Amino acid sequence: MTNPGAQPEQRRALLLINRRARRGAQWADLAHQQLSAAGYSLITPHEDDERSYSELILAHQSQVDVVIVGGGDGTLNAAALGLMQSRLPLGILPLGTANDFARTLGIPFNLEAAINIIVAGHTRRIDLGEVNGHLFLNVSSVGFSASLARNLTAAAKKKWGTAGYALAALRLLRQSRPFSAILHYDGQQEAIKTVQFSVGNGRFYGGGMTIEKDAAPDDGRLDAYSLEVRHWWQILALFPSLRRGTHGRWGNVRTLSGTQFSLHTRRPHDINADGEIIGRTPAHYRLIEGAIAVLAPGKP
């Protein structure tokens, strides 16, 4: 028989909040208070600790039951390797600019609602993408999006939010030129000329753009597309379809689905993974199925 006066067992969590994220400093203390009130015993590394988020996760893995990360997609990406290696579940507080991974999983941007999902404890095992040994949750791109990632400063994202993506994109759009590449997939090899080649793991990226309308982070596949347009202004015509994830209907957009892709370019091009430049082409992509567990709403 359950003792009505008994206290529930306290859950132990490592709380990692990026105070440089758009709402990180604003909501850090409130998040700590609300999680403590919900029954979590929290470990919060000192702000001066210079270890990476993945290093912190591995250092504390025997002391906690869950890792709660507050920040944007870049913050989550920094924790991905530690989560995969420790096999600890991830709780998400969407405190960044775009929060596309939270959007993909249906996690609300309201702090209290996001904490309620963590408390509910429903886990969803999701895939990760990998490019040249670097993990990504949302998308990795070569071409226009990589140029955008290089030029969009942290200060602009914090000040302008998702509008910062649009402002920076408009400035760069006129400079975009197609580049030549060799694409390898499913044992095939094709020469392409593209403005952007993108490989997505989840559904959303870039402040609400859609990699593919039916994509999910646990569907066991990567979805890729290549924008094979000749002129920069054609991207403007594609924009509504890129938002909806229906761009594959256009004749100048190549779409693919699989677990491995390789892109070799005539000259080196930057590779963007979840908003960070991680190296230069060639780019070798692969899927890591069921890589991490995330506390998220159940599928509808």
C-alpha atoms as a PDB file:
ATOM      1  CA  MET A   1       0.000   0.000   0.000  1.00  0.00           C
ATOM      2  CA  THR A   2       1.310   3.438  -0.977  1.00  0.00           C
ATOM      3  CA  ASN A   3       2.007   5.809   1.888  1.00  0.00           C
ATOM      4  CA  PRO A   4       0.091   9.038   1.042  1.00  0.00           C
ATOM      5  CA  GLY A   5       2.599  11.076   3.018  1.00  0.00           C
ATOM      6  CA  ALA A   6       5.648   9.682   1.240  1.00  0.00           C
ATOM      7  CA  GLN A   7       7.686  12.050  -0.902  1.00  0.00           C
ATOM      8  CA  PRO A   8       8.381  11.017  -4.516  1.00  0.00           C
ATOM      9  CA  GLU A   9      11.954  10.028  -5.276  1.00  0.00           C
ATOM     10  CA  GLN A  10      13.901  13.098  -6.337  1.00  0.00           C
ATOM     11  CA  ARG A  11      15.116  13.034  -9.916  1.00  0.00           C
ATOM     12  CA  ARG A  12      18.701  14.068 -10.644  1.00  0.00           C
ATOM     13  CA  ALA A  13      19.449  16.288 -13.611  1.00  0.00           C
ATOM     14  CA  LEU A  14      22.434  18.006 -15.147  1.00  0.00           C
ATOM     15  CA  LEU A  15      21.233  21.479 -16.136  1.00  0.00           C
ATOM     16  CA  LEU A  16      23.172  23.162 -18.935  1.00  0.00           C
ATOM     17  CA  ILE A  17      21.892  26.604 -19.932  1.00  0.00           C
ATOM     18  CA  ASN A  18      23.609  28.704 -22.551  1.00  0.00           C
ATOM     19  CA  ARG A  19      23.280  32.203 -21.125  1.00  0.00           C
ATOM     20  CA  ARG A  20      24.456  33.612 -24.470  1.00  0.00           C
ATOM     21  CA  ALA A  21      21.418  32.147 -26.218  1.00  0.00           C
ATOM     22  CA  ARG A  22      18.671  34.602 -27.148  1.00  0.00           C
ATOM     23  CA  ARG A  23      16.625  33.992 -23.977  1.00  0.00           C
ATOM     24  CA  GLY A  24      19.296  32.149 -21.995  1.00  0.00           C
ATOM     25  CA  ALA A  25      20.260  34.827 -19.484  1.00  0.00           C
ATOM     26  CA  GLN A  26      16.656  36.007 -19.156  1.00  0.00           C
ATOM     27  CA  TRP A  27      15.191  32.609 -18.265  1.00  0.00           C
ATOM     28  CA  ALA A  28      18.105  30.741 -16.639  1.00  0.00           C
ATOM     29  CA  ASP A  29      17.179  31.496 -13.025  1.00  0.00           C
ATOM     30  CA  LEU A  30      13.464  30.922 -13.613  1.00  0.00           C
ATOM     31  CA  ALA A  31      14.184  27.575 -15.270  1.00  0.00           C
ATOM     32  CA  HIS A  32      16.271  26.531 -12.257  1.00  0.00           C
ATOM     33  CA  GLN A  33      13.476  27.522  -9.862  1.00  0.00           C
ATOM     34  CA  GLN A  34      10.733  25.754 -11.803  1.00  0.00           C
ATOM     35  CA  LEU A  35      12.733  22.551 -12.254  1.00  0.00           C
ATOM     36  CA  SER A  36      13.613  22.493  -8.550  1.00  0.00           C
ATOM     37  CA  ALA A  37       9.940  23.018  -7.687  1.00  0.00           C
ATOM     38  CA  ALA A  38       9.071  20.105  -9.993  1.00  0.00           C
ATOM     39  CA  GLY A  39      11.260  17.813  -7.901  1.00  0.00           C
ATOM     40  CA  TYR A  40      14.601  17.841  -9.677  1.00  0.00           C
ATOM     41  CA  SER A  41      17.931  17.808  -7.831  1.00  0.00           C
ATOM     42  CA  LEU A  42      20.052  19.899 -10.182  1.00  0.00           C
ATOM     43  CA  ILE A  43      23.752  19.907 -10.948  1.00  0.00           C
ATOM     44  CA  THR A  44      24.722  23.178 -12.633  1.00  0.00           C
ATOM     45  CA  PRO A  45      28.364  23.537 -13.678  1.00  0.00           C
ATOM     46  CA  HIS A  46      30.076  26.797 -12.774  1.00  0.00           C
ATOM     47  CA  GLU A  47      30.002  29.450 -15.496  1.00  0.00           C
ATOM     48  CA  ASP A  48      33.811  29.481 -15.544  1.00  0.00           C
ATOM     49  CA  ASP A  49      33.979  25.754 -16.386  1.00  0.00           C
ATOM     50  CA  GLU A  50      35.531  25.694 -19.866  1.00  0.00           C
ATOM     51  CA  ARG A  51      34.681  22.089 -20.688  1.00  0.00           C
ATOM     52  CA  SER A  52      32.373  21.501 -23.645  1.00  0.00           C
ATOM     53  CA  TYR A  53      28.795  20.440 -23.008  1.00  0.00           C
ATOM     54  CA  SER A  54      29.595  16.911 -24.171  1.00  0.00           C
ATOM     55  CA  GLU A  55      32.569  16.751 -21.812  1.00  0.00           C
ATOM     56  CA  LEU A  56      30.391  17.961 -18.931  1.00  0.00           C
ATOM     57  CA  ILE A  57      27.759  15.325 -19.692  1.00  0.00           C
ATOM     58  CA  LEU A  58      30.312  12.515 -19.688  1.00  0.00           C
ATOM     59  CA  ALA A  59      31.920  13.844 -16.487  1.00  0.00           C
ATOM     60  CA  HIS A  60      28.564  13.787 -14.633  1.00  0.00           C
ATOM     61  CA  GLN A  61      26.875  10.799 -16.299  1.00  0.00           C
ATOM     62  CA  SER A  62      26.998   8.604 -13.173  1.00  0.00           C
ATOM     63  CA  GLN A  63      25.481  11.351 -10.999  1.00  0.00           C
ATOM     64  CA  VAL A  64      22.329  12.155 -12.994  1.00  0.00           C
ATOM     65  CA  ASP A  65      19.338  10.529 -14.647  1.00  0.00           C
ATOM     66  CA  VAL A  66      18.680  13.166 -17.311  1.00  0.00           C
ATOM     67  CA  VAL A  67      20.421  16.060 -19.053  1.00  0.00           C
ATOM     68  CA  ILE A  68      18.400  19.269 -19.469  1.00  0.00           C
ATOM     69  CA  VAL A  69      19.779  21.703 -22.049  1.00  0.00           C
ATOM     70  CA  GLY A  70      18.599  25.286 -22.423  1.00  0.00           C
ATOM     71  CA  GLY A  71      19.527  27.138 -25.581  1.00  0.00           C
ATOM     72  CA  GLY A  72      19.107  26.951 -29.333  1.00  0.00           C
ATOM     73  CA  ASP A  73      20.000  24.375 -31.939  1.00  0.00           C
ATOM     74  CA  GLY A  74      23.720  25.112 -31.702  1.00  0.00           C
ATOM     75  CA  THR A  75      23.618  24.486 -27.955  1.00  0.00           C
ATOM     76  CA  LEU A  76      21.840  21.163 -28.446  1.00  0.00           C
ATOM     77  CA  ASN A  77      24.356  20.214 -31.118  1.00  0.00           C
ATOM     78  CA  ALA A  78      27.205  20.851 -28.650  1.00  0.00           C
ATOM     79  CA  ALA A  79      25.618  18.308 -26.291  1.00  0.00           C
ATOM     80  CA  ALA A  80      24.773  15.652 -28.894  1.00  0.00           C
ATOM     81  CA  LEU A  81      27.976  13.604 -28.724  1.00  0.00           C
ATOM     82  CA  GLY A  82      27.894  13.442 -24.912  1.00  0.00           C
ATOM     83  CA  LEU A  83      24.240  12.400 -24.987  1.00  0.00           C
ATOM     84  CA  MET A  84      24.902   9.665 -27.526  1.00  0.00           C
ATOM     85  CA  GLN A  85      27.889   8.286 -25.622  1.00  0.00           C
ATOM     86  CA  SER A  86      26.305   8.495 -22.144  1.00  0.00           C
ATOM     87  CA  ARG A  87      22.864   7.265 -23.316  1.00  0.00           C
ATOM     88  CA  LEU A  88      21.227   9.762 -20.955  1.00  0.00           C
ATOM     89  CA  PRO A  89      17.860  11.205 -22.046  1.00  0.00           C
ATOM     90  CA  LEU A  90      17.673  14.846 -23.127  1.00  0.00           C
ATOM     91  CA  GLY A  91      15.226  17.453 -21.863  1.00  0.00           C
ATOM     92  CA  ILE A  92      14.974  20.593 -24.013  1.00  0.00           C
ATOM     93  CA  LEU A  93      14.355  24.202 -22.951  1.00  0.00           C
ATOM     94  CA  PRO A  94      14.039  26.155 -26.239  1.00  0.00           C
ATOM     95  CA  LEU A  95      15.852  29.390 -25.389  1.00  0.00           C
ATOM     96  CA  GLY A  96      17.566  30.102 -28.713  1.00  0.00           C
ATOM     97  CA  THR A  97      16.687  32.032 -31.842  1.00  0.00           C
ATOM     98  CA  ALA A  98      15.132  29.478 -34.179  1.00  0.00           C
ATOM     99  CA  ASN A  99      14.723  26.384 -31.957  1.00  0.00           C
ATOM    100  CA  ASP A 100      14.089  24.238 -35.020  1.00  0.00           C
ATOM    101  CA  PHE A 101      14.772  20.911 -33.299  1.00  0.00           C
ATOM    102  CA  ALA A 102      12.221  21.725 -30.590  1.00  0.00           C
ATOM    103  CA  ARG A 103       9.805  22.755 -33.350  1.00  0.00           C
ATOM    104  CA  THR A 104      10.358  19.419 -35.117  1.00  0.00           C
ATOM    105  CA  LEU A 105       9.540  17.515 -31.903  1.00  0.00           C
ATOM    106  CA  GLY A 106       6.520  19.664 -31.005  1.00  0.00           C
ATOM    107  CA  ILE A 107       8.137  21.107 -27.869  1.00  0.00           C
ATOM    108  CA  PRO A 108       6.544  24.511 -27.098  1.00  0.00           C
ATOM    109  CA  PHE A 109       8.715  27.608 -26.734  1.00  0.00           C
ATOM    110  CA  ASN A 110       6.952  28.579 -23.510  1.00  0.00           C
ATOM    111  CA  LEU A 111       9.276  27.762 -20.593  1.00  0.00           C
ATOM    112  CA  GLU A 112       6.665  26.314 -18.234  1.00  0.00           C
ATOM    113  CA  ALA A 113       5.131  24.171 -20.984  1.00  0.00           C
ATOM    114  CA  ALA A 114       8.564  22.865 -22.000  1.00  0.00           C
ATOM    115  CA  ILE A 115       9.314  21.948 -18.368  1.00  0.00           C
ATOM    116  CA  ASN A 116       5.970  20.153 -18.112  1.00  0.00           C
ATOM    117  CA  ILE A 117       7.002  17.930 -21.030  1.00  0.00           C
ATOM    118  CA  ILE A 118      10.263  17.081 -19.262  1.00  0.00           C
ATOM    119  CA  VAL A 119       8.379  16.272 -16.059  1.00  0.00           C
ATOM    120  CA  ALA A 120       5.895  14.043 -17.938  1.00  0.00           C
ATOM    121  CA  GLY A 121       8.847  11.815 -18.846  1.00  0.00           C
ATOM    122  CA  HIS A 122       7.766  10.535 -22.274  1.00  0.00           C
ATOM    123  CA  THR A 123      10.879   9.618 -24.275  1.00  0.00           C
ATOM    124  CA  ARG A 124      11.257   9.471 -28.032  1.00  0.00           C
ATOM    125  CA  ARG A 125      14.355   7.880 -29.538  1.00  0.00           C
ATOM    126  CA  ILE A 126      15.562   9.909 -32.496  1.00  0.00           C
ATOM    127  CA  ASP A 127      18.170   9.643 -35.229  1.00  0.00           C
ATOM    128  CA  LEU A 128      21.145  11.924 -35.812  1.00  0.00           C
ATOM    129  CA  GLY A 129      22.958  12.882 -38.971  1.00  0.00           C
ATOM    130  CA  GLU A 130      26.718  12.907 -39.278  1.00  0.00           C
ATOM    131  CA  VAL A 131      28.907  14.779 -41.753  1.00  0.00           C
ATOM    132  CA  ASN A 132      32.660  14.168 -41.783  1.00  0.00           C
ATOM    133  CA  GLY A 133      32.453  12.944 -38.180  1.00  0.00           C
ATOM    134  CA  HIS A 134      30.389  15.916 -36.930  1.00  0.00           C
ATOM    135  CA  LEU A 135      26.867  15.285 -35.637  1.00  0.00           C
ATOM    136  CA  PHE A 136      23.814  17.304 -36.647  1.00  0.00           C
ATOM    137  CA  LEU A 137      20.241  17.252 -35.394  1.00  0.00           C
ATOM    138  CA  ASN A 138      18.543  19.358 -38.079  1.00  0.00           C
ATOM    139  CA  VAL A 139      20.435  19.947 -41.295  1.00  0.00           C
ATOM    140  CA  SER A 140      23.847  20.158 -42.917  1.00  0.00           C
ATOM    141  CA  SER A 141      24.330  22.233 -46.076  1.00  0.00           C
ATOM    142  CA  VAL A 142      26.899  23.211 -48.664  1.00  0.00           C
ATOM    143  CA  GLY A 143      26.374  26.408 -50.655  1.00  0.00           C
ATOM    144  CA  PHE A 144      24.046  29.293 -49.885  1.00  0.00           C
ATOM    145  CA  SER A 145      23.063  28.197 -46.340  1.00  0.00           C
ATOM    146  CA  ALA A 146      26.696  27.699 -45.391  1.00  0.00           C
ATOM    147  CA  SER A 147      27.474  31.242 -46.570  1.00  0.00           C
ATOM    148  CA  LEU A 148      24.511  32.437 -44.526  1.00  0.00           C
ATOM    149  CA  ALA A 149      25.776  30.611 -41.427  1.00  0.00           C
ATOM    150  CA  ARG A 150      29.207  32.201 -41.833  1.00  0.00           C
ATOM    151  CA  ASN A 151      27.776  35.701 -42.220  1.00  0.00           C
ATOM    152  CA  LEU A 152      24.954  35.619 -39.649  1.00  0.00           C
ATOM    153  CA  THR A 153      26.507  36.829 -36.413  1.00  0.00           C
ATOM    154  CA  ALA A 154      25.419  35.774 -32.937  1.00  0.00           C
ATOM    155  CA  ALA A 155      24.670  39.430 -32.161  1.00  0.00           C
ATOM    156  CA  ALA A 156      22.316  39.700 -35.154  1.00  0.00           C
ATOM    157  CA  LYS A 157      20.481  36.509 -34.180  1.00  0.00           C
ATOM    158  CA  LYS A 158      20.046  37.734 -30.608  1.00  0.00           C
ATOM    159  CA  LYS A 159      18.838  41.184 -31.688  1.00  0.00           C
ATOM    160  CA  TRP A 160      16.608  40.296 -34.638  1.00  0.00           C
ATOM    161  CA  GLY A 161      15.588  36.684 -33.931  1.00  0.00           C
ATOM    162  CA  THR A 162      14.411  34.675 -36.956  1.00  0.00           C
ATOM    163  CA  ALA A 163      14.123  37.943 -38.910  1.00  0.00           C
ATOM    164  CA  GLY A 164      17.927  38.024 -38.759  1.00  0.00           C
ATOM    165  CA  TYR A 165      18.023  34.989 -41.048  1.00  0.00           C
ATOM    166  CA  ALA A 166      15.863  36.784 -43.642  1.00  0.00           C
ATOM    167  CA  LEU A 167      17.879  40.011 -43.482  1.00  0.00           C
ATOM    168  CA  ALA A 168      21.203  38.212 -43.912  1.00  0.00           C
ATOM    169  CA  ALA A 169      19.764  35.982 -46.657  1.00  0.00           C
ATOM    170  CA  LEU A 170      18.586  38.930 -48.726  1.00  0.00           C
ATOM    171  CA  ARG A 171      22.038  40.506 -48.554  1.00  0.00           C
ATOM    172  CA  LEU A 172      23.728  37.290 -49.716  1.00  0.00           C
ATOM    173  CA  LEU A 173      21.196  36.153 -52.284  1.00  0.00           C
ATOM    174  CA  ARG A 174      22.451  38.334 -55.133  1.00  0.00           C
ATOM    175  CA  GLN A 175      25.984  37.016 -54.641  1.00  0.00           C
ATOM    176  CA  SER A 176      24.939  33.357 -54.944  1.00  0.00           C
ATOM    177  CA  ARG A 177      26.291  31.438 -57.929  1.00  0.00           C
ATOM    178  CA  PRO A 178      25.849  27.763 -58.846  1.00  0.00           C
ATOM    179  CA  PHE A 179      28.848  25.501 -58.205  1.00  0.00           C
ATOM    180  CA  SER A 180      29.803  22.172 -59.778  1.00  0.00           C
ATOM    181  CA  ALA A 181      29.848  18.978 -57.748  1.00  0.00           C
ATOM    182  CA  ILE A 182      29.737  15.204 -57.991  1.00  0.00           C
ATOM    183  CA  LEU A 183      26.961  13.614 -55.919  1.00  0.00           C
ATOM    184  CA  HIS A 184      27.249   9.977 -54.780  1.00  0.00           C
ATOM    185  CA  TYR A 185      24.171   8.108 -53.483  1.00  0.00           C
ATOM    186  CA  ASP A 186      22.743   4.580 -53.659  1.00  0.00           C
ATOM    187  CA  GLY A 187      25.751   3.394 -55.662  1.00  0.00           C
ATOM    188  CA  GLN A 188      25.158   6.108 -58.265  1.00  0.00           C
ATOM    189  CA  GLN A 189      27.264   9.105 -59.259  1.00  0.00           C
ATOM    190  CA  GLU A 190      25.887  12.284 -60.827  1.00  0.00           C
ATOM    191  CA  ALA A 191      27.414  15.578 -61.907  1.00  0.00           C
ATOM    192  CA  ILE A 192      25.325  18.479 -60.650  1.00  0.00           C
ATOM    193  CA  LYS A 193      25.426  22.267 -60.710  1.00  0.00           C
ATOM    194  CA  THR A 194      23.732  23.646 -57.623  1.00  0.00           C
ATOM    195  CA  VAL A 195      23.320  26.723 -55.449  1.00  0.00           C
ATOM    196  CA  GLN A 196      22.760  24.623 -52.342  1.00  0.00           C
ATOM    197  CA  PHE A 197      22.899  20.965 -51.327  1.00  0.00           C
ATOM    198  CA  SER A 198      21.210  20.190 -48.002  1.00  0.00           C
ATOM    199  CA  VAL A 199      20.820  17.003 -45.979  1.00  0.00           C
ATOM    200  CA  GLY A 200      18.226  16.977 -43.190  1.00  0.00           C
ATOM    201  CA  ASN A 201      17.589  14.691 -40.253  1.00  0.00           C
ATOM    202  CA  GLY A 202      14.431  16.290 -38.846  1.00  0.00           C
ATOM    203  CA  ARG A 203      11.766  18.464 -40.468  1.00  0.00           C
ATOM    204  CA  PHE A 204      12.678  22.082 -39.712  1.00  0.00           C
ATOM    205  CA  TYR A 205      15.822  24.192 -40.055  1.00  0.00           C
ATOM    206  CA  GLY A 206      16.853  27.817 -40.622  1.00  0.00           C
ATOM    207  CA  GLY A 207      14.088  29.419 -38.581  1.00  0.00           C
ATOM    208  CA  GLY A 208      11.144  27.340 -39.792  1.00  0.00           C
ATOM    209  CA  MET A 209      12.211  26.193 -43.266  1.00  0.00           C
ATOM    210  CA  THR A 210      11.163  22.602 -44.028  1.00  0.00           C
ATOM    211  CA  ILE A 211      13.584  19.986 -45.302  1.00  0.00           C
ATOM    212  CA  GLU A 212      10.727  17.761 -46.486  1.00  0.00           C
ATOM    213  CA  LYS A 213       7.053  17.961 -45.516  1.00  0.00           C
ATOM    214  CA  ASP A 214       6.845  14.375 -44.178  1.00  0.00           C
ATOM    215  CA  ALA A 215      10.320  14.162 -42.623  1.00  0.00           C
ATOM    216  CA  ALA A 216      10.692  13.028 -39.005  1.00  0.00           C
ATOM    217  CA  PRO A 217      13.780  12.652 -36.813  1.00  0.00           C
ATOM    218  CA  ASP A 218      13.009   8.984 -36.171  1.00  0.00           C
ATOM    219  CA  ASP A 219      12.066   7.791 -39.666  1.00  0.00           C
ATOM    220  CA  GLY A 220      15.387   6.025 -40.308  1.00  0.00           C
ATOM    221  CA  ARG A 221      16.369   8.189 -43.249  1.00  0.00           C
ATOM    222  CA  LEU A 222      18.071  11.413 -44.270  1.00  0.00           C
ATOM    223  CA  ASP A 223      16.260  13.700 -46.707  1.00  0.00           C
ATOM    224  CA  ALA A 224      18.370  15.707 -49.156  1.00  0.00           C
ATOM    225  CA  TYR A 225      17.698  18.333 -51.784  1.00  0.00           C
ATOM    226  CA  SER A 226      19.756  20.216 -54.354  1.00  0.00           C
ATOM    227  CA  LEU A 227      18.695  23.676 -55.624  1.00  0.00           C
ATOM    228  CA  GLU A 228      19.779  23.477 -59.252  1.00  0.00           C
ATOM    229  CA  VAL A 229      18.678  26.962 -60.272  1.00  0.00           C
ATOM    230  CA  ARG A 230      20.580  29.197 -62.681  1.00  0.00           C
ATOM    231  CA  HIS A 231      19.754  32.616 -61.250  1.00  0.00           C
ATOM    232  CA  TRP A 232      19.548  33.906 -57.666  1.00  0.00           C
ATOM    233  CA  TRP A 233      16.038  35.329 -58.167  1.00  0.00           C
ATOM    234  CA  GLN A 234      14.673  31.824 -58.841  1.00  0.00           C
ATOM    235  CA  ILE A 235      15.273  31.047 -55.164  1.00  0.00           C
ATOM    236  CA  LEU A 236      12.742  33.773 -54.303  1.00  0.00           C
ATOM    237  CA  ALA A 237      10.124  31.935 -56.365  1.00  0.00           C
ATOM    238  CA  LEU A 238      11.012  28.716 -54.517  1.00  0.00           C
ATOM    239  CA  PHE A 239      10.797  30.279 -51.065  1.00  0.00           C
ATOM    240  CA  PRO A 240       7.114  29.418 -50.280  1.00  0.00           C
ATOM    241  CA  SER A 241       7.745  25.789 -51.248  1.00  0.00           C
ATOM    242  CA  LEU A 242      10.923  25.686 -49.148  1.00  0.00           C
ATOM    243  CA  ARG A 243       8.862  26.863 -46.168  1.00  0.00           C
ATOM    244  CA  ARG A 244       6.249  24.150 -46.724  1.00  0.00           C
ATOM    245  CA  GLY A 245       8.670  21.366 -47.693  1.00  0.00           C
ATOM    246  CA  THR A 246       7.084  20.888 -51.136  1.00  0.00           C
ATOM    247  CA  HIS A 247      10.089  22.110 -53.161  1.00  0.00           C
ATOM    248  CA  GLY A 248      10.579  18.618 -54.615  1.00  0.00           C
ATOM    249  CA  ARG A 249       7.696  19.353 -57.015  1.00  0.00           C
ATOM    250  CA  TRP A 250       9.842  21.886 -58.879  1.00  0.00           C
ATOM    251  CA  GLY A 251      11.805  20.705 -61.890  1.00  0.00           C
ATOM    252  CA  ASN A 252      14.978  22.500 -60.834  1.00  0.00           C
ATOM    253  CA  VAL A 253      15.053  20.903 -57.366  1.00  0.00           C
ATOM    254  CA  ARG A 254      16.516  17.413 -56.963  1.00  0.00           C
ATOM    255  CA  THR A 255      15.254  15.498 -53.902  1.00  0.00           C
ATOM    256  CA  LEU A 256      16.718  12.310 -52.438  1.00  0.00           C
ATOM    257  CA  SER A 257      16.132  10.040 -49.464  1.00  0.00           C
ATOM    258  CA  GLY A 258      18.610   7.574 -47.990  1.00  0.00           C
ATOM    259  CA  THR A 259      21.115   6.861 -45.255  1.00  0.00           C
ATOM    260  CA  GLN A 260      24.363   7.932 -46.952  1.00  0.00           C
ATOM    261  CA  PHE A 261      25.399  10.687 -49.381  1.00  0.00           C
ATOM    262  CA  SER A 262      28.732  12.139 -50.515  1.00  0.00           C
ATOM    263  CA  LEU A 263      29.340  15.475 -52.214  1.00  0.00           C
ATOM    264  CA  HIS A 264      32.640  16.302 -53.947  1.00  0.00           C
ATOM    265  CA  THR A 265      33.106  19.847 -55.225  1.00  0.00           C
ATOM    266  CA  ARG A 266      35.541  21.186 -57.800  1.00  0.00           C
ATOM    267  CA  ARG A 267      36.950  23.617 -55.233  1.00  0.00           C
ATOM    268  CA  PRO A 268      36.512  23.451 -51.428  1.00  0.00           C
ATOM    269  CA  HIS A 269      33.229  24.810 -50.038  1.00  0.00           C
ATOM    270  CA  ASP A 270      32.193  25.411 -46.438  1.00  0.00           C
ATOM    271  CA  ILE A 271      30.020  22.803 -44.719  1.00  0.00           C
ATOM    272  CA  ASN A 272      27.347  24.049 -42.324  1.00  0.00           C
ATOM    273  CA  ALA A 273      25.986  21.706 -39.626  1.00  0.00           C
ATOM    274  CA  ASP A 274      23.192  23.071 -37.411  1.00  0.00           C
ATOM    275  CA  GLY A 275      24.317  26.645 -38.064  1.00  0.00           C
ATOM    276  CA  GLU A 276      28.050  26.122 -37.481  1.00  0.00           C
ATOM    277  CA  ILE A 277      30.809  25.853 -40.091  1.00  0.00           C
ATOM    278  CA  ILE A 278      32.502  22.520 -39.340  1.00  0.00           C
ATOM    279  CA  GLY A 279      34.894  22.140 -42.267  1.00  0.00           C
ATOM    280  CA  ARG A 280      35.088  22.071 -46.038  1.00  0.00           C
ATOM    281  CA  THR A 281      34.100  19.688 -48.804  1.00  0.00           C
ATOM    282  CA  PRO A 282      34.173  16.843 -49.686  1.00  0.00           C
ATOM    283  CA  ALA A 283      31.177  16.122 -47.456  1.00  0.00           C
ATOM    284  CA  HIS A 284      30.363  12.549 -46.411  1.00  0.00           C
ATOM    285  CA  TYR A 285      26.955  12.082 -44.780  1.00  0.00           C
ATOM    286  CA  ARG A 286      25.510   9.151 -42.897  1.00  0.00           C
ATOM    287  CA  LEU A 287      22.552   8.416 -40.620  1.00  0.00           C
ATOM    288  CA  ILE A 288      22.978   7.207 -37.029  1.00  0.00           C
ATOM    289  CA  GLU A 289      19.657   5.557 -36.280  1.00  0.00           C
ATOM    290  CA  GLY A 290      18.124   5.800 -32.783  1.00  0.00           C
ATOM    291  CA  ALA A 291      21.138   7.749 -31.534  1.00  0.00           C
ATOM    292  CA  ILE A 292      19.641   9.606 -28.542  1.00  0.00           C
ATOM    293  CA  ALA A 293      16.494   9.661 -26.397  1.00  0.00           C
ATOM    294  CA  VAL A 294      14.605  12.951 -26.019  1.00  0.00           C
ATOM    295  CA  LEU A 295      11.864  13.893 -23.574  1.00  0.00           C
ATOM    296  CA  ALA A 296       9.157  15.000 -25.990  1.00  0.00           C
ATOM    297  CA  PRO A 297       5.406  14.893 -26.570  1.00  0.00           C
ATOM    298  CA  GLY A 298       4.023  11.594 -27.823  1.00  0.00           C
ATOM    299  CA  LYS A 299       3.338  11.309 -31.547  1.00  0.00           C
ATOM    300  CA  PRO A 300      -0.172  12.415 -32.499  1.00  0.00           C
END
